[in-house]
Amino acid sequence: MAGARPTASERVIHRVAEAVERDPLELPPLYDHVDADALDSLVEGLTDGAVTFTYVGYDVTVQHTGEVLVDERPRR
């Protein structure tokens, strides 16, 4: 569908790929870390707040606005 907004899971993959400077297809499957369909449904229904999870060494936060924030996890 032309002009459709990318899903939350699609935005996560692309934003993390930018952060790690890799092609999105080189990343491990998102579904190994979070249920992508559930993430999309949850974010779509949010009117406030955010969802945060870890993916390839980054804390990923998807805001209720759809914005995706990516922060590198500190190494221990």
N, C-alpha and C. Protein backbone atom coordinates (compact mmCIF):
# COMPACT_ATOMS: atom_id res chain seq x y z
N MET A 1 0.85 -1.16 0.00
CA MET A 1 0.00 0.00 0.00
C MET A 1 0.90 1.24 0.00
N ALA A 2 0.79 2.03 -1.02
CA ALA A 2 1.64 3.21 -1.16
C ALA A 2 1.33 4.24 -0.08
N GLY A 3 2.38 4.81 0.46
CA GLY A 3 2.21 5.87 1.46
C GLY A 3 1.90 5.37 2.86
N ALA A 4 1.84 4.06 3.05
CA ALA A 4 1.55 3.52 4.38
C ALA A 4 2.75 3.76 5.29
N ARG A 5 2.48 4.09 6.53
CA ARG A 5 3.54 4.31 7.51
C ARG A 5 4.14 2.97 7.91
N PRO A 6 5.47 2.90 8.00
CA PRO A 6 6.09 1.64 8.43
C PRO A 6 5.61 1.24 9.82
N THR A 7 5.56 -0.05 10.07
CA THR A 7 5.16 -0.54 11.39
C THR A 7 6.24 -0.21 12.40
N ALA A 8 5.90 -0.33 13.67
CA ALA A 8 6.87 -0.09 14.74
C ALA A 8 8.06 -1.03 14.58
N SER A 9 7.81 -2.30 14.29
CA SER A 9 8.91 -3.26 14.15
C SER A 9 9.80 -2.91 12.97
N GLU A 10 9.24 -2.45 11.87
CA GLU A 10 10.05 -2.03 10.72
C GLU A 10 10.90 -0.81 11.08
N ARG A 11 10.32 0.14 11.81
CA ARG A 11 11.07 1.32 12.22
C ARG A 11 12.21 0.93 13.17
N VAL A 12 11.96 -0.03 14.06
CA VAL A 12 13.00 -0.50 14.99
C VAL A 12 14.17 -1.07 14.20
N ILE A 13 13.90 -1.95 13.27
CA ILE A 13 14.97 -2.58 12.50
C ILE A 13 15.80 -1.53 11.76
N HIS A 14 15.16 -0.59 11.12
CA HIS A 14 15.89 0.42 10.37
C HIS A 14 16.66 1.37 11.28
N ARG A 15 16.08 1.72 12.41
CA ARG A 15 16.78 2.64 13.34
C ARG A 15 17.99 1.96 13.97
N VAL A 16 17.87 0.70 14.35
CA VAL A 16 19.00 -0.03 14.91
C VAL A 16 20.08 -0.22 13.84
N ALA A 17 19.67 -0.55 12.62
CA ALA A 17 20.64 -0.70 11.53
C ALA A 17 21.45 0.59 11.34
N GLU A 18 20.79 1.72 11.44
CA GLU A 18 21.50 3.01 11.36
C GLU A 18 22.50 3.14 12.50
N ALA A 19 22.08 2.77 13.69
CA ALA A 19 22.95 2.91 14.87
C ALA A 19 24.19 2.04 14.78
N VAL A 20 24.05 0.84 14.25
CA VAL A 20 25.19 -0.07 14.15
C VAL A 20 25.89 0.01 12.80
N GLU A 21 25.39 0.89 11.95
CA GLU A 21 25.96 1.12 10.62
C GLU A 21 26.06 -0.18 9.81
N ARG A 22 24.93 -0.88 9.76
CA ARG A 22 24.83 -2.13 9.00
C ARG A 22 23.55 -2.12 8.21
N ASP A 23 23.51 -2.98 7.22
CA ASP A 23 22.29 -3.17 6.43
C ASP A 23 21.26 -3.86 7.33
N PRO A 24 20.00 -3.45 7.27
CA PRO A 24 18.98 -4.10 8.11
C PRO A 24 18.92 -5.63 7.93
N LEU A 25 19.24 -6.11 6.73
CA LEU A 25 19.20 -7.55 6.48
C LEU A 25 20.34 -8.29 7.17
N GLU A 26 21.35 -7.57 7.64
CA GLU A 26 22.47 -8.19 8.34
C GLU A 26 22.20 -8.37 9.84
N LEU A 27 21.14 -7.76 10.33
CA LEU A 27 20.80 -7.86 11.75
C LEU A 27 20.15 -9.21 12.05
N PRO A 28 20.28 -9.69 13.27
CA PRO A 28 19.56 -10.92 13.63
C PRO A 28 18.06 -10.66 13.59
N PRO A 29 17.27 -11.69 13.37
CA PRO A 29 15.82 -11.50 13.30
C PRO A 29 15.27 -10.86 14.57
N LEU A 30 14.44 -9.86 14.40
CA LEU A 30 13.83 -9.17 15.53
C LEU A 30 13.01 -10.14 16.38
N TYR A 31 12.36 -11.10 15.72
CA TYR A 31 11.49 -12.03 16.46
C TYR A 31 12.25 -12.93 17.43
N ASP A 32 13.59 -12.96 17.33
CA ASP A 32 14.37 -13.69 18.33
C ASP A 32 14.44 -12.93 19.65
N HIS A 33 14.04 -11.65 19.64
CA HIS A 33 14.14 -10.79 20.81
C HIS A 33 12.80 -10.28 21.31
N VAL A 34 11.86 -10.13 20.40
CA VAL A 34 10.53 -9.62 20.76
C VAL A 34 9.53 -10.09 19.71
N ASP A 35 8.30 -10.30 20.12
CA ASP A 35 7.25 -10.67 19.17
C ASP A 35 6.89 -9.42 18.37
N ALA A 36 7.30 -9.38 17.10
CA ALA A 36 7.11 -8.18 16.27
C ALA A 36 5.64 -7.83 16.08
N ASP A 37 4.79 -8.83 15.90
CA ASP A 37 3.35 -8.55 15.74
C ASP A 37 2.77 -7.95 17.01
N ALA A 38 3.17 -8.48 18.16
CA ALA A 38 2.69 -7.95 19.43
C ALA A 38 3.21 -6.53 19.64
N LEU A 39 4.47 -6.28 19.28
CA LEU A 39 5.03 -4.94 19.39
C LEU A 39 4.24 -3.96 18.53
N ASP A 40 3.98 -4.34 17.29
CA ASP A 40 3.22 -3.46 16.39
C ASP A 40 1.83 -3.15 16.96
N SER A 41 1.15 -4.18 17.44
CA SER A 41 -0.20 -3.98 18.00
C SER A 41 -0.17 -3.12 19.26
N LEU A 42 0.80 -3.39 20.12
CA LEU A 42 0.90 -2.64 21.37
C LEU A 42 1.16 -1.17 21.10
N VAL A 43 2.14 -0.87 20.26
CA VAL A 43 2.49 0.52 19.97
C VAL A 43 1.34 1.23 19.26
N GLU A 44 0.67 0.52 18.38
CA GLU A 44 -0.46 1.11 17.65
C GLU A 44 -1.56 1.55 18.61
N GLY A 45 -1.73 0.82 19.72
CA GLY A 45 -2.77 1.13 20.68
C GLY A 45 -2.37 2.09 21.78
N LEU A 46 -1.10 2.46 21.86
CA LEU A 46 -0.65 3.36 22.93
C LEU A 46 -1.15 4.78 22.72
N THR A 47 -1.63 5.37 23.79
CA THR A 47 -1.98 6.80 23.75
C THR A 47 -1.01 7.61 24.61
N ASP A 48 -0.21 6.89 25.39
CA ASP A 48 0.79 7.52 26.24
C ASP A 48 1.81 6.44 26.60
N GLY A 49 3.02 6.84 26.95
CA GLY A 49 4.02 5.88 27.40
C GLY A 49 4.87 5.34 26.27
N ALA A 50 5.54 4.22 26.57
CA ALA A 50 6.49 3.65 25.63
C ALA A 50 6.72 2.18 25.95
N VAL A 51 7.36 1.49 25.01
CA VAL A 51 7.74 0.10 25.17
C VAL A 51 9.26 0.05 25.00
N THR A 52 9.96 -0.61 25.93
CA THR A 52 11.41 -0.71 25.86
C THR A 52 11.84 -2.17 25.93
N PHE A 53 12.82 -2.53 25.11
CA PHE A 53 13.37 -3.88 25.10
C PHE A 53 14.81 -3.81 24.60
N THR A 54 15.53 -4.91 24.71
CA THR A 54 16.92 -4.98 24.27
C THR A 54 17.01 -5.73 22.95
N TYR A 55 17.81 -5.18 22.04
CA TYR A 55 18.01 -5.80 20.73
C TYR A 55 19.43 -5.49 20.26
N VAL A 56 20.20 -6.49 19.96
CA VAL A 56 21.60 -6.43 19.51
C VAL A 56 22.47 -5.45 20.29
N GLY A 57 22.36 -5.53 21.61
CA GLY A 57 23.20 -4.71 22.47
C GLY A 57 22.72 -3.28 22.66
N TYR A 58 21.49 -3.00 22.29
CA TYR A 58 20.93 -1.67 22.42
C TYR A 58 19.61 -1.73 23.19
N ASP A 59 19.37 -0.70 23.97
CA ASP A 59 18.04 -0.51 24.57
C ASP A 59 17.23 0.23 23.53
N VAL A 60 16.14 -0.36 23.12
CA VAL A 60 15.27 0.22 22.10
C VAL A 60 13.97 0.64 22.77
N THR A 61 13.60 1.89 22.59
CA THR A 61 12.35 2.41 23.14
C THR A 61 11.49 2.92 22.00
N VAL A 62 10.26 2.42 21.95
CA VAL A 62 9.30 2.89 20.96
C VAL A 62 8.27 3.72 21.71
N GLN A 63 8.26 5.01 21.45
CA GLN A 63 7.35 5.93 22.11
C GLN A 63 5.93 5.79 21.55
N HIS A 64 4.96 6.25 22.32
CA HIS A 64 3.56 6.21 21.86
C HIS A 64 3.37 7.04 20.58
N THR A 65 4.28 7.96 20.34
CA THR A 65 4.22 8.79 19.13
C THR A 65 4.76 8.05 17.91
N GLY A 66 5.40 6.90 18.15
CA GLY A 66 5.99 6.14 17.06
C GLY A 66 7.49 6.35 16.94
N GLU A 67 8.03 7.33 17.65
CA GLU A 67 9.46 7.59 17.60
C GLU A 67 10.22 6.41 18.21
N VAL A 68 11.33 6.05 17.58
CA VAL A 68 12.17 4.95 18.06
C VAL A 68 13.49 5.53 18.55
N LEU A 69 13.80 5.27 19.82
CA LEU A 69 15.05 5.72 20.44
C LEU A 69 15.94 4.51 20.63
N VAL A 70 17.23 4.66 20.32
CA VAL A 70 18.18 3.56 20.41
C VAL A 70 19.37 4.03 21.23
N ASP A 71 19.62 3.34 22.35
CA ASP A 71 20.74 3.68 23.23
C ASP A 71 21.60 2.44 23.45
N GLU A 72 22.91 2.60 23.23
CA GLU A 72 23.81 1.48 23.44
C GLU A 72 23.84 1.09 24.91
N ARG A 73 23.75 -0.19 25.17
CA ARG A 73 23.80 -0.68 26.55
C ARG A 73 25.24 -0.61 27.04
N PRO A 74 25.45 -0.17 28.27
CA PRO A 74 26.80 -0.14 28.80
C PRO A 74 27.34 -1.56 28.96
N ARG A 75 28.62 -1.73 28.66
CA ARG A 75 29.25 -3.05 28.83
C ARG A 75 29.62 -3.23 30.27
N ARG A 76 29.46 -4.43 30.78
CA ARG A 76 29.76 -4.71 32.20
C ARG A 76 30.99 -5.54 32.31
